[in-house]
Amino acid sequence: MVKNYLIKFYTPEGAGLIKNVKAESLSEAKSIIMQEGYMPAVAVPNIFLDILRPVRNAGMKDNELSVFFTEFYQLSKSTGSVVKALSYINKESKKPSAGGKSKLFYPVKWLYYNHKRSKSKNRLKFINDCVSLLDKGESLKEIFILNNFEEIVISLLDLADSTGDYPQTFLKISEYFGTKNIYRKSIAGALAYPAFLFFLLFIAFSVFLYYIIPTFASFFSQFPHIPKSTKNILGFFSYLKSIFIYCIILAAVIAAAFGFDLFRIKTKASSFMLDIPQIRNIVNYAYLNWIFYQFSLMISSGVTVNAVFNYFRKNASKPYFKHKFELIYSDLMKGITLHDSMANADFLSEDAVESIGYAEIGGFLSETVLMLSQEFKEKSSRYMDLFTKGLFFLAVASVVFFLLLMFFSLFLPLIQGMVGLPANYQ
């Protein structure tokens, strides 16, 4: 896992400087400083930055970044200058004037103007930073690093600095954030309906437990004899009501522990869930879809295969894939081909590995990897659809079982008592 380290070093003139370096270990952080030509004096983990987790990507959301870089691409291509493009983007709408014929509408215009500014304040701040720092001689890459942009964006800008083709780089970054936004929404959207359905079931069950069951219990208490099944159901729900609040607190504590990964609960639960074939397929294919899209993007931008898997092994969020990427990167550094490295890692099908091997020889690796990304997306969508339908069926089955239980235990005895029919009384 990449962490932050504070490194104190000295320049050739003898000035002491402190710099935050992102690396996987303290020794790697020192090596980065030494590669820059400085001798590190003191190196300590920057635990405060790791805890606070500074705002990434200049505080802008993925869809906002996609629109911003699309505009950046169009303006930088038409003007032929990054600075001019930023100055055009930086042009704000004119502040409303309090005088003139439209002074009666000034409050409305003023509210609308401030609303627009509040919606784009992070964007405006980032643009102002870019303009001011570019005037001081900073490179675009350094500016993006200061604003905590993702490493893949920094890699693409690094290549743009060397080639000078900024517009195409901005277009690729726009596509990257647009795809990332769609990827996140597809996962959240597929699970939103089942989650909402189970939430409604929880609300309905709570109302039933605290309002309807007490009404039935009060009604049946007027009779000396009631069916045994009804008595057992009322007793069960009475006991459940007495411990219901504790169940909610326990669920909240487990959710908090899961979220913060206390006692490695999250890791153990994830390992258990990934042992279920259906869920494993959904998670793995969705993740591979995103990974292979990034692979294609970086390769088409001129990043080497070794650099791609070095990036993956450092930034992989799943331990299983992180280990696989480390194996591939190790083999690639030994001079082994990508095909053989993928085969040794053993996490893709033979057909996928063979396709990568042919693409590596033929020189169309980017197109093949993008095609595999689409295949993984289709498989993930298919398994996600089956999983969602399974959850929906489980919810419907639970409702049907609950209604049948209520009918035969509460409503049927009530109807029998009202019409005077015999029942199984004790």
Protein backbone atom coordinates (compact mmCIF):
# COMPACT_ATOMS: atom_id res chain seq x y z
CA MET A 1 0.00 0.00 0.00
CA VAL A 2 1.30 3.44 -0.93
CA LYS A 3 1.82 5.70 2.11
CA ASN A 4 3.06 9.24 2.74
CA TYR A 5 6.55 9.97 4.13
CA LEU A 6 8.13 13.25 5.19
CA ILE A 7 11.71 13.49 3.96
CA LYS A 8 14.14 16.18 5.08
CA PHE A 9 17.04 16.67 2.66
CA TYR A 10 19.67 19.27 1.78
CA THR A 11 20.27 21.02 -1.53
CA PRO A 12 23.83 21.49 -2.92
CA GLU A 13 23.69 25.06 -1.57
CA GLY A 14 23.11 23.67 1.94
CA ALA A 15 19.45 24.66 2.27
CA GLY A 16 17.33 22.20 4.24
CA LEU A 17 14.04 21.25 2.60
CA ILE A 18 11.14 18.98 3.56
CA LYS A 19 9.08 17.11 0.99
CA ASN A 20 6.18 14.67 1.19
CA VAL A 21 6.88 11.51 -0.82
CA LYS A 22 4.43 8.73 -1.64
CA ALA A 23 5.99 5.27 -1.52
CA GLU A 24 5.32 1.73 -0.32
CA SER A 25 8.12 1.78 2.27
CA LEU A 26 10.51 4.15 4.01
CA SER A 27 13.49 2.84 2.06
CA GLU A 28 11.68 3.39 -1.25
CA ALA A 29 10.86 6.99 -0.22
CA LYS A 30 14.56 7.62 0.49
CA SER A 31 15.48 6.09 -2.86
CA ILE A 32 13.11 8.47 -4.67
CA ILE A 33 14.82 11.47 -3.06
CA MET A 34 18.27 10.08 -3.88
CA GLN A 35 17.24 9.59 -7.52
CA GLU A 36 16.42 13.30 -7.63
CA GLY A 37 20.02 14.02 -6.63
CA TYR A 38 19.54 14.84 -2.93
CA MET A 39 20.76 13.13 0.21
CA PRO A 40 17.93 12.40 2.72
CA ALA A 41 18.75 13.34 6.31
CA VAL A 42 15.55 12.48 8.19
CA ALA A 43 12.64 10.34 7.02
CA VAL A 44 9.47 9.70 9.03
CA PRO A 45 5.97 8.40 8.13
CA ASN A 46 3.49 11.22 7.52
CA ILE A 47 0.71 9.66 9.60
CA PHE A 48 -1.35 12.85 9.67
CA LEU A 49 -1.67 12.96 5.89
CA ASP A 50 -2.53 9.25 5.81
CA ILE A 51 -5.26 9.74 8.42
CA LEU A 52 -6.71 12.94 6.98
CA ARG A 53 -6.68 11.62 3.38
CA PRO A 54 -6.50 14.93 1.51
CA VAL A 55 -9.12 15.73 -1.10
CA ARG A 56 -8.25 14.00 -4.36
CA ASN A 57 -8.60 15.33 -7.89
CA ALA A 58 -8.84 18.98 -6.74
CA GLY A 59 -12.12 18.21 -4.95
CA MET A 60 -14.02 17.63 -8.20
CA LYS A 61 -16.28 14.65 -8.93
CA ASP A 62 -15.68 12.25 -11.80
CA ASN A 63 -18.48 13.58 -14.02
CA GLU A 64 -17.35 17.18 -13.39
CA LEU A 65 -13.77 16.23 -14.27
CA SER A 66 -14.93 14.54 -17.46
CA VAL A 67 -16.70 17.73 -18.60
CA PHE A 68 -13.76 19.93 -17.53
CA PHE A 69 -11.15 17.95 -19.47
CA THR A 70 -13.42 17.79 -22.53
CA GLU A 71 -13.57 21.60 -22.53
CA PHE A 72 -9.83 21.69 -21.85
CA TYR A 73 -9.20 19.43 -24.85
CA GLN A 74 -11.39 21.46 -27.23
CA LEU A 75 -9.98 24.86 -26.20
CA SER A 76 -6.32 23.77 -26.07
CA LYS A 77 -6.67 22.21 -29.54
CA SER A 78 -8.34 25.29 -31.03
CA THR A 79 -6.09 27.88 -29.38
CA GLY A 80 -2.89 25.85 -29.51
CA SER A 81 -2.01 26.91 -25.95
CA VAL A 82 -2.75 25.42 -22.54
CA VAL A 83 -2.55 28.83 -20.85
CA LYS A 84 -5.02 30.40 -23.30
CA ALA A 85 -7.37 27.46 -22.86
CA LEU A 86 -7.29 27.91 -19.07
CA SER A 87 -7.92 31.64 -19.41
CA TYR A 88 -11.00 30.97 -21.57
CA ILE A 89 -12.34 28.40 -19.10
CA ASN A 90 -11.63 30.82 -16.27
CA LYS A 91 -13.98 33.44 -17.70
CA GLU A 92 -16.82 33.69 -15.22
CA SER A 93 -20.30 34.91 -15.93
CA LYS A 94 -20.62 38.64 -15.37
CA LYS A 95 -21.75 39.70 -11.93
CA PRO A 96 -25.29 41.06 -11.93
CA SER A 97 -25.60 44.82 -11.75
CA ALA A 98 -27.82 46.46 -9.13
CA GLY A 99 -28.77 49.32 -11.43
CA GLY A 100 -30.51 49.63 -14.77
CA LYS A 101 -33.93 48.51 -15.92
CA SER A 102 -33.60 45.04 -14.34
CA LYS A 103 -32.89 46.23 -10.79
CA LEU A 104 -36.12 44.61 -9.58
CA PHE A 105 -34.70 41.20 -10.59
CA TYR A 106 -31.30 41.86 -9.00
CA PRO A 107 -31.91 39.59 -5.92
CA VAL A 108 -32.87 36.67 -8.16
CA LYS A 109 -29.86 37.19 -10.44
CA TRP A 110 -27.56 37.56 -7.44
CA LEU A 111 -28.83 34.27 -5.93
CA TYR A 112 -28.42 32.47 -9.26
CA TYR A 113 -24.90 33.85 -9.73
CA ASN A 114 -23.81 32.69 -6.25
CA HIS A 115 -25.45 29.33 -6.83
CA LYS A 116 -23.36 28.83 -9.99
CA ARG A 117 -20.21 29.85 -8.17
CA SER A 118 -20.86 27.47 -5.27
CA LYS A 119 -21.41 24.56 -7.68
CA SER A 120 -18.09 25.19 -9.43
CA LYS A 121 -15.94 26.60 -6.62
CA ASN A 122 -13.46 23.67 -6.68
CA ARG A 123 -13.16 23.95 -10.45
CA LEU A 124 -12.56 27.72 -10.29
CA LYS A 125 -9.99 27.32 -7.51
CA PHE A 126 -8.12 24.67 -9.50
CA ILE A 127 -8.09 26.79 -12.66
CA ASN A 128 -6.80 29.82 -10.73
CA ASP A 129 -4.05 27.64 -9.23
CA CYS A 130 -3.07 26.42 -12.70
CA VAL A 131 -2.93 29.93 -14.16
CA SER A 132 -0.91 31.42 -11.29
CA LEU A 133 1.54 28.50 -11.01
CA LEU A 134 2.08 28.26 -14.78
CA ASP A 135 3.00 31.96 -14.74
CA LYS A 136 5.62 31.14 -12.08
CA GLY A 137 7.19 28.47 -14.29
CA GLU A 138 5.67 25.31 -12.75
CA SER A 139 4.87 22.43 -15.07
CA LEU A 140 1.32 21.17 -15.51
CA LYS A 141 2.35 17.83 -14.04
CA GLU A 142 3.60 19.43 -10.80
CA ILE A 143 0.38 21.44 -10.50
CA PHE A 144 -1.70 18.28 -10.80
CA ILE A 145 0.46 16.54 -8.20
CA LEU A 146 -0.12 19.43 -5.77
CA ASN A 147 -3.88 18.97 -6.27
CA ASN A 148 -3.67 15.22 -5.48
CA PHE A 149 -4.74 13.88 -8.87
CA GLU A 150 -4.64 10.14 -9.43
CA GLU A 151 -1.38 8.58 -10.46
CA ILE A 152 -2.70 7.47 -13.85
CA VAL A 153 -3.51 11.12 -14.67
CA ILE A 154 0.00 12.16 -13.59
CA SER A 155 1.48 9.43 -15.82
CA LEU A 156 -0.49 10.65 -18.83
CA LEU A 157 0.58 14.25 -18.19
CA ASP A 158 4.19 13.13 -17.83
CA LEU A 159 4.01 11.69 -21.34
CA ALA A 160 2.33 14.88 -22.60
CA ASP A 161 5.24 16.91 -21.17
CA SER A 162 7.67 14.83 -23.21
CA THR A 163 5.64 14.71 -26.47
CA GLY A 164 3.93 18.13 -26.27
CA ASP A 165 0.58 16.66 -27.38
CA TYR A 166 -1.55 18.00 -24.53
CA PRO A 167 -4.97 18.07 -26.28
CA GLN A 168 -5.05 14.31 -26.93
CA THR A 169 -3.91 13.69 -23.36
CA PHE A 170 -6.75 15.85 -22.02
CA LEU A 171 -9.19 13.90 -24.19
CA LYS A 172 -7.93 10.58 -22.79
CA ILE A 173 -8.18 11.90 -19.22
CA SER A 174 -11.75 13.03 -19.94
CA GLU A 175 -12.63 9.56 -21.24
CA TYR A 176 -10.97 8.03 -18.18
CA PHE A 177 -13.07 9.99 -15.67
CA GLY A 178 -16.22 9.48 -17.75
CA THR A 179 -15.70 5.72 -17.78
CA LYS A 180 -14.86 5.72 -14.09
CA ASN A 181 -18.11 7.55 -13.32
CA ILE A 182 -20.13 5.05 -15.39
CA TYR A 183 -18.32 2.12 -13.72
CA ARG A 184 -19.19 3.33 -10.22
CA LYS A 185 -22.78 4.13 -11.11
CA SER A 186 -23.32 0.72 -12.72
CA ILE A 187 -22.30 -1.08 -9.52
CA ALA A 188 -24.30 1.24 -7.26
CA GLY A 189 -27.32 1.26 -9.59
CA ALA A 190 -27.52 -2.53 -9.81
CA LEU A 191 -27.62 -2.88 -6.01
CA ALA A 192 -29.79 0.19 -5.33
CA TYR A 193 -33.15 -1.50 -6.01
CA PRO A 194 -32.57 -4.61 -3.82
CA ALA A 195 -31.16 -2.42 -1.04
CA PHE A 196 -34.20 -0.11 -1.23
CA LEU A 197 -36.53 -3.11 -1.21
CA PHE A 198 -34.93 -4.58 1.91
CA PHE A 199 -35.04 -1.14 3.56
CA LEU A 200 -38.80 -0.96 2.94
CA LEU A 201 -39.17 -4.46 4.37
CA PHE A 202 -37.30 -3.35 7.49
CA ILE A 203 -39.60 -0.31 7.91
CA ALA A 204 -42.72 -2.44 7.36
CA PHE A 205 -41.53 -5.07 9.82
CA SER A 206 -40.77 -2.40 12.45
CA VAL A 207 -44.27 -0.91 12.08
CA PHE A 208 -45.80 -4.37 12.25
CA LEU A 209 -43.78 -5.28 15.35
CA TYR A 210 -44.47 -2.11 17.33
CA TYR A 211 -48.03 -1.24 16.26
CA ILE A 212 -49.91 -4.13 14.66
CA ILE A 213 -48.78 -7.03 16.86
CA PRO A 214 -49.66 -5.17 20.12
CA THR A 215 -53.17 -4.54 18.68
CA PHE A 216 -53.63 -8.24 17.98
CA ALA A 217 -52.25 -9.19 21.40
CA SER A 218 -54.67 -6.77 23.10
CA PHE A 219 -57.60 -8.20 21.12
CA PHE A 220 -56.81 -11.87 21.78
CA SER A 221 -56.20 -11.20 25.48
CA GLN A 222 -59.97 -10.74 25.87
CA PHE A 223 -60.57 -14.42 25.14
CA PRO A 224 -59.84 -17.20 27.63
CA HIS A 225 -58.76 -19.65 24.93
CA ILE A 226 -56.88 -18.93 21.71
CA PRO A 227 -55.21 -21.28 19.21
CA LYS A 228 -51.82 -22.58 20.28
CA SER A 229 -50.17 -21.37 17.05
CA THR A 230 -51.48 -17.85 17.69
CA LYS A 231 -50.21 -17.90 21.25
CA ASN A 232 -46.77 -19.06 20.10
CA ILE A 233 -46.59 -16.38 17.37
CA LEU A 234 -47.61 -13.61 19.77
CA GLY A 235 -45.03 -14.81 22.29
CA PHE A 236 -42.32 -14.96 19.65
CA PHE A 237 -43.00 -11.42 18.42
CA SER A 238 -43.21 -10.14 21.98
CA TYR A 239 -39.76 -11.55 22.69
CA LEU A 240 -38.44 -10.20 19.39
CA LYS A 241 -39.79 -6.75 20.25
CA SER A 242 -37.95 -6.79 23.59
CA ILE A 243 -34.58 -7.45 21.91
CA PHE A 244 -35.17 -5.60 18.63
CA ILE A 245 -33.34 -2.45 19.68
CA TYR A 246 -30.33 -4.53 20.72
CA CYS A 247 -30.36 -6.24 17.33
CA ILE A 248 -30.25 -2.82 15.62
CA ILE A 249 -27.37 -1.67 17.85
CA LEU A 250 -25.47 -4.91 17.15
CA ALA A 251 -26.01 -4.48 13.40
CA ALA A 252 -24.76 -0.86 13.61
CA VAL A 253 -21.65 -1.95 15.55
CA ILE A 254 -20.91 -4.70 13.01
CA ALA A 255 -21.38 -2.21 10.15
CA ALA A 256 -19.00 0.26 11.83
CA ALA A 257 -16.44 -2.47 12.47
CA PHE A 258 -16.81 -3.62 8.87
CA GLY A 259 -16.37 -0.07 7.57
CA PHE A 260 -13.23 0.60 9.61
CA ASP A 261 -11.99 -3.00 9.17
CA LEU A 262 -11.60 -3.49 12.93
CA PHE A 263 -10.23 -6.94 13.87
CA ARG A 264 -9.92 -7.55 10.08
CA ILE A 265 -13.69 -8.14 9.92
CA LYS A 266 -13.94 -6.58 6.49
CA THR A 267 -11.08 -8.69 5.12
CA LYS A 268 -12.49 -11.93 6.54
CA ALA A 269 -16.01 -11.13 5.33
CA SER A 270 -14.71 -10.28 1.85
CA SER A 271 -12.75 -13.55 1.73
CA PHE A 272 -15.86 -15.47 2.78
CA MET A 273 -18.06 -13.75 0.19
CA LEU A 274 -15.50 -14.27 -2.56
CA ASP A 275 -15.69 -18.00 -1.89
CA ILE A 276 -19.29 -17.86 -3.19
CA PRO A 277 -18.95 -18.39 -6.97
CA GLN A 278 -21.72 -15.97 -7.97
CA ILE A 279 -20.37 -13.05 -5.94
CA ARG A 280 -16.77 -13.86 -6.89
CA ASN A 281 -17.66 -13.65 -10.58
CA ILE A 282 -19.42 -10.31 -10.13
CA VAL A 283 -16.54 -8.75 -8.19
CA ASN A 284 -13.73 -10.17 -10.29
CA TYR A 285 -15.24 -9.42 -13.70
CA ALA A 286 -16.24 -5.88 -12.69
CA TYR A 287 -12.76 -5.22 -11.35
CA LEU A 288 -11.06 -6.74 -14.41
CA ASN A 289 -13.26 -4.60 -16.66
CA TRP A 290 -11.95 -1.46 -14.95
CA ILE A 291 -8.34 -2.69 -14.75
CA PHE A 292 -8.17 -3.65 -18.42
CA TYR A 293 -9.72 -0.35 -19.45
CA GLN A 294 -6.90 1.46 -17.60
CA PHE A 295 -4.43 -0.96 -19.18
CA SER A 296 -5.67 -0.06 -22.67
CA LEU A 297 -5.68 3.67 -21.89
CA MET A 298 -2.10 3.69 -20.62
CA ILE A 299 -0.74 1.49 -23.42
CA SER A 300 -2.41 3.62 -26.11
CA SER A 301 -0.86 6.71 -24.48
CA GLY A 302 2.66 5.29 -24.77
CA VAL A 303 3.17 3.92 -21.24
CA THR A 304 5.30 0.76 -21.21
CA VAL A 305 3.84 -2.57 -20.09
CA ASN A 306 6.29 -2.71 -17.17
CA ALA A 307 5.19 0.74 -15.99
CA VAL A 308 1.54 -0.28 -16.27
CA PHE A 309 1.90 -3.28 -13.98
CA ASN A 310 4.13 -1.34 -11.63
CA TYR A 311 1.22 1.11 -11.33
CA PHE A 312 -1.30 -1.74 -10.84
CA ARG A 313 0.70 -3.49 -8.13
CA LYS A 314 1.01 -0.24 -6.18
CA ASN A 315 -2.60 0.87 -6.55
CA ALA A 316 -4.62 -2.36 -6.63
CA SER A 317 -7.38 -2.22 -4.01
CA LYS A 318 -7.91 -5.99 -3.83
CA PRO A 319 -5.20 -8.16 -2.17
CA TYR A 320 -5.84 -11.06 -4.57
CA PHE A 321 -5.18 -8.98 -7.69
CA LYS A 322 -2.38 -7.01 -6.02
CA HIS A 323 -0.51 -10.29 -5.51
CA LYS A 324 -1.11 -11.31 -9.14
CA PHE A 325 0.13 -7.97 -10.45
CA GLU A 326 3.27 -8.26 -8.33
CA LEU A 327 3.95 -11.68 -9.87
CA ILE A 328 3.47 -10.29 -13.40
CA TYR A 329 5.67 -7.26 -12.72
CA SER A 330 8.41 -9.47 -11.27
CA ASP A 331 8.36 -11.70 -14.37
CA LEU A 332 8.35 -8.70 -16.71
CA MET A 333 11.42 -7.25 -14.96
CA LYS A 334 13.18 -10.57 -15.56
CA GLY A 335 12.59 -10.21 -19.30
CA ILE A 336 9.71 -12.69 -19.53
CA THR A 337 7.05 -11.88 -22.13
CA LEU A 338 3.64 -10.51 -21.11
CA HIS A 339 1.94 -13.70 -22.36
CA ASP A 340 4.08 -15.95 -20.18
CA SER A 341 3.83 -13.56 -17.21
CA MET A 342 0.03 -13.62 -17.45
CA ALA A 343 0.04 -17.41 -17.77
CA ASN A 344 2.27 -17.79 -14.69
CA ALA A 345 0.01 -15.50 -12.63
CA ASP A 346 -2.95 -17.78 -13.48
CA PHE A 347 -5.94 -15.46 -13.00
CA LEU A 348 -7.24 -15.22 -16.58
CA SER A 349 -8.73 -17.83 -18.88
CA GLU A 350 -6.49 -19.50 -21.45
CA ASP A 351 -8.37 -17.78 -24.30
CA ALA A 352 -7.75 -14.33 -22.79
CA VAL A 353 -4.05 -15.07 -22.24
CA GLU A 354 -3.68 -16.34 -25.81
CA SER A 355 -5.38 -13.21 -27.16
CA ILE A 356 -2.92 -11.05 -25.22
CA GLY A 357 -0.04 -13.14 -26.57
CA TYR A 358 -1.13 -12.68 -30.20
CA ALA A 359 -1.68 -8.95 -29.62
CA GLU A 360 1.77 -8.61 -28.06
CA ILE A 361 3.35 -10.14 -31.16
CA GLY A 362 1.14 -8.30 -33.66
CA GLY A 363 1.45 -4.88 -32.04
CA PHE A 364 -2.27 -4.35 -31.35
CA LEU A 365 -2.17 -4.85 -27.57
CA SER A 366 -4.23 -1.74 -26.75
CA GLU A 367 -7.17 -2.79 -28.97
CA THR A 368 -7.13 -6.38 -27.64
CA VAL A 369 -7.03 -5.33 -24.00
CA LEU A 370 -9.92 -2.90 -24.60
CA MET A 371 -11.91 -5.72 -26.22
CA LEU A 372 -11.23 -7.96 -23.21
CA SER A 373 -12.38 -5.13 -20.95
CA GLN A 374 -15.73 -5.04 -22.77
CA GLU A 375 -16.04 -8.84 -22.46
CA PHE A 376 -15.45 -8.63 -18.70
CA LYS A 377 -18.04 -5.85 -18.50
CA GLU A 378 -20.65 -8.00 -20.25
CA LYS A 379 -19.93 -10.96 -17.99
CA SER A 380 -20.08 -8.77 -14.90
CA SER A 381 -23.42 -7.30 -16.02
CA ARG A 382 -24.83 -10.76 -16.68
CA TYR A 383 -23.82 -12.11 -13.27
CA MET A 384 -24.94 -8.89 -11.58
CA ASP A 385 -28.35 -9.24 -13.23
CA LEU A 386 -28.67 -12.81 -11.97
CA PHE A 387 -27.55 -11.76 -8.50
CA THR A 388 -30.06 -8.88 -8.41
CA LYS A 389 -32.89 -11.16 -9.53
CA GLY A 390 -31.88 -13.62 -6.81
CA LEU A 391 -32.07 -10.91 -4.15
CA PHE A 392 -35.46 -9.79 -5.49
CA PHE A 393 -36.77 -13.36 -5.39
CA LEU A 394 -35.50 -13.74 -1.81
CA ALA A 395 -37.27 -10.53 -0.78
CA VAL A 396 -40.56 -11.61 -2.45
CA ALA A 397 -40.31 -15.09 -0.90
CA SER A 398 -39.77 -13.51 2.53
CA VAL A 399 -42.86 -11.30 2.10
CA VAL A 400 -45.01 -14.25 0.96
CA PHE A 401 -43.83 -16.43 3.86
CA PHE A 402 -44.48 -13.60 6.30
CA LEU A 403 -48.01 -13.02 4.96
CA LEU A 404 -48.85 -16.73 5.10
CA LEU A 405 -47.55 -16.94 8.66
CA MET A 406 -49.66 -13.94 9.68
CA PHE A 407 -52.74 -15.28 7.92
CA PHE A 408 -52.75 -18.74 9.47
CA SER A 409 -51.60 -17.62 12.92
CA LEU A 410 -53.47 -14.32 13.43
CA PHE A 411 -56.00 -13.42 10.76
CA LEU A 412 -57.57 -16.89 10.34
CA PRO A 413 -58.19 -17.36 14.11
CA LEU A 414 -59.60 -13.82 14.18
CA ILE A 415 -62.02 -14.58 11.34
CA GLN A 416 -62.97 -17.90 12.93
CA GLY A 417 -63.71 -16.17 16.21
CA MET A 418 -65.81 -13.49 14.53
CA VAL A 419 -68.02 -15.94 12.58
CA GLY A 420 -68.16 -18.52 15.34
CA LEU A 421 -66.34 -21.34 13.49
CA PRO A 422 -64.57 -24.02 15.52
CA ALA A 423 -60.80 -23.78 15.76
CA ASN A 424 -57.95 -25.74 17.32
CA TYR A 425 -58.27 -24.30 20.83
CA GLN A 426 -56.55 -25.83 23.79
